[in-house]
N, C-alpha and C. Protein backbone atom coordinates (compact mmCIF):
# COMPACT_ATOMS: atom_id res chain seq x y z
N MET A 1 -15.43 -48.87 -40.90
CA MET A 1 -16.17 -47.64 -40.69
C MET A 1 -15.26 -46.46 -40.99
N ASN A 2 -15.75 -45.55 -41.78
CA ASN A 2 -15.00 -44.35 -42.13
C ASN A 2 -15.19 -43.29 -41.05
N THR A 3 -14.16 -43.04 -40.27
CA THR A 3 -14.28 -42.05 -39.20
C THR A 3 -13.99 -40.64 -39.68
N ASN A 4 -13.66 -40.48 -40.98
CA ASN A 4 -13.38 -39.15 -41.50
C ASN A 4 -14.62 -38.44 -42.00
N GLN A 5 -15.73 -39.15 -42.14
CA GLN A 5 -16.95 -38.55 -42.67
C GLN A 5 -17.69 -37.80 -41.56
N THR A 6 -17.97 -36.53 -41.82
CA THR A 6 -18.70 -35.71 -40.85
C THR A 6 -20.17 -36.11 -40.86
N THR A 7 -20.74 -36.21 -39.68
CA THR A 7 -22.14 -36.57 -39.51
C THR A 7 -22.86 -35.44 -38.81
N ILE A 8 -24.04 -35.11 -39.32
CA ILE A 8 -24.91 -34.14 -38.66
C ILE A 8 -26.19 -34.87 -38.31
N ALA A 9 -26.58 -34.82 -37.04
CA ALA A 9 -27.80 -35.49 -36.59
C ALA A 9 -28.59 -34.53 -35.70
N HIS A 10 -29.90 -34.75 -35.65
CA HIS A 10 -30.72 -33.93 -34.77
C HIS A 10 -31.74 -34.82 -34.08
N GLY A 11 -32.12 -34.41 -32.90
CA GLY A 11 -33.08 -35.16 -32.11
C GLY A 11 -33.10 -34.62 -30.69
N THR A 12 -33.63 -35.41 -29.79
CA THR A 12 -33.72 -35.02 -28.38
C THR A 12 -32.52 -35.56 -27.63
N LEU A 13 -31.82 -34.68 -26.92
CA LEU A 13 -30.64 -35.08 -26.16
C LEU A 13 -31.06 -35.68 -24.83
N GLY A 14 -30.49 -36.83 -24.53
CA GLY A 14 -30.78 -37.49 -23.25
C GLY A 14 -29.49 -37.92 -22.59
N VAL A 15 -29.62 -38.35 -21.35
CA VAL A 15 -28.46 -38.83 -20.60
C VAL A 15 -28.94 -39.89 -19.62
N ASP A 16 -28.08 -40.90 -19.40
CA ASP A 16 -28.35 -41.83 -18.31
C ASP A 16 -27.17 -41.73 -17.35
N THR A 17 -26.91 -42.73 -16.59
CA THR A 17 -25.89 -42.60 -15.54
C THR A 17 -24.48 -42.36 -16.06
N ASP A 18 -24.17 -42.82 -17.28
CA ASP A 18 -22.79 -42.67 -17.73
C ASP A 18 -22.61 -42.29 -19.19
N THR A 19 -23.67 -42.00 -19.91
CA THR A 19 -23.50 -41.63 -21.31
C THR A 19 -24.62 -40.73 -21.81
N TYR A 20 -24.27 -39.91 -22.78
CA TYR A 20 -25.25 -39.06 -23.46
C TYR A 20 -25.73 -39.80 -24.69
N PHE A 21 -26.96 -39.52 -25.11
CA PHE A 21 -27.50 -40.13 -26.32
C PHE A 21 -28.43 -39.15 -27.00
N LEU A 22 -28.65 -39.38 -28.29
CA LEU A 22 -29.52 -38.55 -29.11
C LEU A 22 -30.61 -39.45 -29.66
N ILE A 23 -31.86 -39.12 -29.35
CA ILE A 23 -32.99 -39.89 -29.85
C ILE A 23 -33.49 -39.19 -31.11
N THR A 24 -33.34 -39.88 -32.24
CA THR A 24 -33.80 -39.35 -33.53
C THR A 24 -35.03 -40.15 -33.95
N PRO A 25 -35.74 -39.71 -34.99
CA PRO A 25 -36.89 -40.50 -35.45
C PRO A 25 -36.50 -41.90 -35.93
N GLN A 26 -35.26 -42.07 -36.39
CA GLN A 26 -34.83 -43.36 -36.92
C GLN A 26 -34.09 -44.25 -35.93
N GLN A 27 -33.39 -43.65 -34.97
CA GLN A 27 -32.52 -44.44 -34.10
C GLN A 27 -32.11 -43.67 -32.86
N MET A 28 -31.36 -44.35 -32.01
CA MET A 28 -30.75 -43.70 -30.86
C MET A 28 -29.23 -43.75 -31.07
N LEU A 29 -28.59 -42.60 -31.01
CA LEU A 29 -27.14 -42.51 -31.19
C LEU A 29 -26.48 -42.21 -29.85
N LEU A 30 -25.44 -42.96 -29.53
CA LEU A 30 -24.64 -42.65 -28.35
C LEU A 30 -23.70 -41.51 -28.71
N ILE A 31 -23.47 -40.61 -27.76
CA ILE A 31 -22.66 -39.42 -28.02
C ILE A 31 -21.50 -39.37 -27.03
N ASP A 32 -20.34 -39.00 -27.54
CA ASP A 32 -19.18 -38.74 -26.71
C ASP A 32 -18.68 -37.34 -27.06
N ALA A 33 -18.33 -36.56 -26.08
CA ALA A 33 -17.84 -35.20 -26.32
C ALA A 33 -16.61 -34.94 -25.45
N ALA A 34 -15.64 -34.27 -26.03
CA ALA A 34 -14.42 -33.91 -25.29
C ALA A 34 -14.63 -32.63 -24.49
N PHE A 35 -15.85 -32.13 -24.47
CA PHE A 35 -16.19 -30.91 -23.74
C PHE A 35 -17.40 -31.20 -22.86
N ASN A 36 -17.65 -30.32 -21.91
CA ASN A 36 -18.81 -30.49 -21.03
C ASN A 36 -20.08 -30.09 -21.78
N ILE A 37 -21.06 -30.97 -21.76
CA ILE A 37 -22.35 -30.69 -22.39
C ILE A 37 -23.22 -29.97 -21.38
N GLU A 38 -23.81 -28.87 -21.80
CA GLU A 38 -24.64 -28.07 -20.90
C GLU A 38 -25.86 -28.87 -20.44
N ASN A 39 -26.11 -28.86 -19.13
CA ASN A 39 -27.27 -29.57 -18.58
C ASN A 39 -28.58 -29.01 -19.12
N ALA A 40 -28.60 -27.73 -19.48
CA ALA A 40 -29.82 -27.10 -19.99
C ALA A 40 -30.26 -27.72 -21.32
N LEU A 41 -29.35 -28.40 -22.02
CA LEU A 41 -29.70 -29.01 -23.31
C LEU A 41 -30.38 -30.37 -23.16
N ILE A 42 -30.31 -30.96 -21.99
CA ILE A 42 -30.91 -32.28 -21.79
C ILE A 42 -32.43 -32.18 -21.91
N GLY A 43 -32.98 -33.05 -22.74
CA GLY A 43 -34.42 -33.05 -22.98
C GLY A 43 -34.84 -32.08 -24.07
N GLN A 44 -33.88 -31.35 -24.62
CA GLN A 44 -34.16 -30.36 -25.67
C GLN A 44 -33.83 -30.94 -27.04
N HIS A 45 -34.44 -30.35 -28.08
CA HIS A 45 -34.13 -30.72 -29.45
C HIS A 45 -32.82 -30.03 -29.83
N VAL A 46 -31.83 -30.82 -30.27
CA VAL A 46 -30.51 -30.30 -30.57
C VAL A 46 -30.01 -30.83 -31.92
N SER A 47 -28.99 -30.18 -32.44
CA SER A 47 -28.24 -30.68 -33.59
C SER A 47 -26.83 -30.99 -33.11
N VAL A 48 -26.29 -32.10 -33.61
CA VAL A 48 -24.95 -32.53 -33.23
C VAL A 48 -24.15 -32.73 -34.51
N ILE A 49 -22.95 -32.19 -34.55
CA ILE A 49 -22.05 -32.41 -35.67
C ILE A 49 -20.79 -33.08 -35.13
N GLY A 50 -20.34 -34.10 -35.82
CA GLY A 50 -19.16 -34.83 -35.39
C GLY A 50 -18.86 -35.97 -36.34
N LYS A 51 -18.11 -36.93 -35.86
CA LYS A 51 -17.74 -38.09 -36.66
C LYS A 51 -18.02 -39.35 -35.85
N LYS A 52 -18.49 -40.39 -36.53
CA LYS A 52 -18.71 -41.65 -35.84
C LYS A 52 -17.37 -42.34 -35.63
N GLY A 53 -17.20 -42.90 -34.45
CA GLY A 53 -15.96 -43.58 -34.14
C GLY A 53 -16.04 -44.23 -32.78
N VAL A 54 -14.93 -44.79 -32.35
CA VAL A 54 -14.85 -45.47 -31.06
C VAL A 54 -13.97 -44.62 -30.15
N PRO A 55 -14.56 -44.03 -29.09
CA PRO A 55 -13.75 -43.20 -28.18
C PRO A 55 -12.81 -44.06 -27.34
N SER A 56 -11.70 -43.48 -26.94
CA SER A 56 -10.72 -44.22 -26.14
C SER A 56 -11.26 -44.60 -24.77
N ASN A 57 -12.24 -43.86 -24.26
CA ASN A 57 -12.79 -44.16 -22.93
C ASN A 57 -13.89 -45.22 -22.97
N ALA A 58 -14.26 -45.68 -24.18
CA ALA A 58 -15.29 -46.72 -24.31
C ALA A 58 -14.92 -47.65 -25.47
N PRO A 59 -13.85 -48.44 -25.32
CA PRO A 59 -13.41 -49.29 -26.42
C PRO A 59 -14.50 -50.27 -26.84
N GLY A 60 -14.67 -50.41 -28.15
CA GLY A 60 -15.65 -51.36 -28.68
C GLY A 60 -17.04 -50.79 -28.86
N ILE A 61 -17.28 -49.56 -28.42
CA ILE A 61 -18.61 -48.96 -28.53
C ILE A 61 -18.53 -47.79 -29.52
N THR A 62 -19.26 -47.91 -30.61
CA THR A 62 -19.28 -46.84 -31.61
C THR A 62 -20.21 -45.72 -31.14
N LYS A 63 -19.69 -44.50 -31.18
CA LYS A 63 -20.46 -43.33 -30.75
C LYS A 63 -20.28 -42.22 -31.77
N LEU A 64 -21.14 -41.23 -31.69
CA LEU A 64 -20.96 -40.01 -32.45
C LEU A 64 -20.04 -39.12 -31.63
N LEU A 65 -18.83 -38.89 -32.12
CA LEU A 65 -17.84 -38.09 -31.41
C LEU A 65 -18.12 -36.63 -31.75
N ALA A 66 -18.81 -35.96 -30.84
CA ALA A 66 -19.35 -34.63 -31.11
C ALA A 66 -18.27 -33.56 -31.13
N ASP A 67 -18.32 -32.74 -32.18
CA ASP A 67 -17.50 -31.54 -32.25
C ASP A 67 -18.29 -30.35 -31.72
N ARG A 68 -19.61 -30.35 -31.99
CA ARG A 68 -20.50 -29.27 -31.55
C ARG A 68 -21.88 -29.83 -31.26
N ILE A 69 -22.51 -29.26 -30.24
CA ILE A 69 -23.91 -29.55 -29.92
C ILE A 69 -24.58 -28.21 -29.69
N ILE A 70 -25.67 -27.98 -30.39
CA ILE A 70 -26.37 -26.70 -30.23
C ILE A 70 -27.87 -26.94 -30.19
N GLY A 71 -28.54 -26.24 -29.29
CA GLY A 71 -29.99 -26.36 -29.15
C GLY A 71 -30.71 -25.65 -30.28
N HIS A 72 -31.82 -26.21 -30.72
CA HIS A 72 -32.59 -25.59 -31.80
C HIS A 72 -33.21 -24.27 -31.37
N LYS A 73 -33.45 -24.11 -30.08
CA LYS A 73 -33.96 -22.83 -29.59
C LYS A 73 -32.94 -21.73 -29.84
N SER A 74 -31.68 -22.02 -29.60
CA SER A 74 -30.60 -21.06 -29.85
C SER A 74 -30.48 -20.74 -31.33
N ILE A 75 -30.63 -21.76 -32.18
CA ILE A 75 -30.58 -21.54 -33.63
C ILE A 75 -31.72 -20.63 -34.06
N ALA A 76 -32.91 -20.87 -33.53
CA ALA A 76 -34.08 -20.06 -33.90
C ALA A 76 -33.90 -18.60 -33.49
N ILE A 77 -33.34 -18.38 -32.31
CA ILE A 77 -33.12 -17.00 -31.83
C ILE A 77 -32.12 -16.29 -32.74
N ARG A 78 -31.04 -16.98 -33.11
CA ARG A 78 -30.04 -16.37 -33.99
C ARG A 78 -30.64 -16.07 -35.37
N ALA A 79 -31.43 -16.99 -35.89
CA ALA A 79 -32.06 -16.78 -37.21
C ALA A 79 -33.02 -15.59 -37.16
N PHE A 80 -33.78 -15.48 -36.08
CA PHE A 80 -34.71 -14.36 -35.94
C PHE A 80 -33.95 -13.03 -35.91
N ASP A 81 -32.83 -13.01 -35.19
CA ASP A 81 -32.03 -11.79 -35.10
C ASP A 81 -31.44 -11.38 -36.46
N ILE A 82 -31.12 -12.36 -37.29
CA ILE A 82 -30.56 -12.07 -38.62
C ILE A 82 -31.61 -11.43 -39.51
N PHE A 83 -32.83 -11.96 -39.45
CA PHE A 83 -33.88 -11.46 -40.33
C PHE A 83 -34.76 -10.51 -39.57
């Protein structure tokens, strides 16, 4: 698996007892982030940019190692302000 390739995915952000996940039309992606994910984003449509890989805190489990997570509502507000 090439961990250097940047991945952009979008879908609904969810969480269970110990992991975050992104439900897309094609699949469910597990997400790992080195930062705190805002609770307000749970259940919202978001975009995630990062790289697929195996985090040190979950050996053997491939996840999307998130660099950024942003809600589509926030993107829409910024786009409206620009135009």
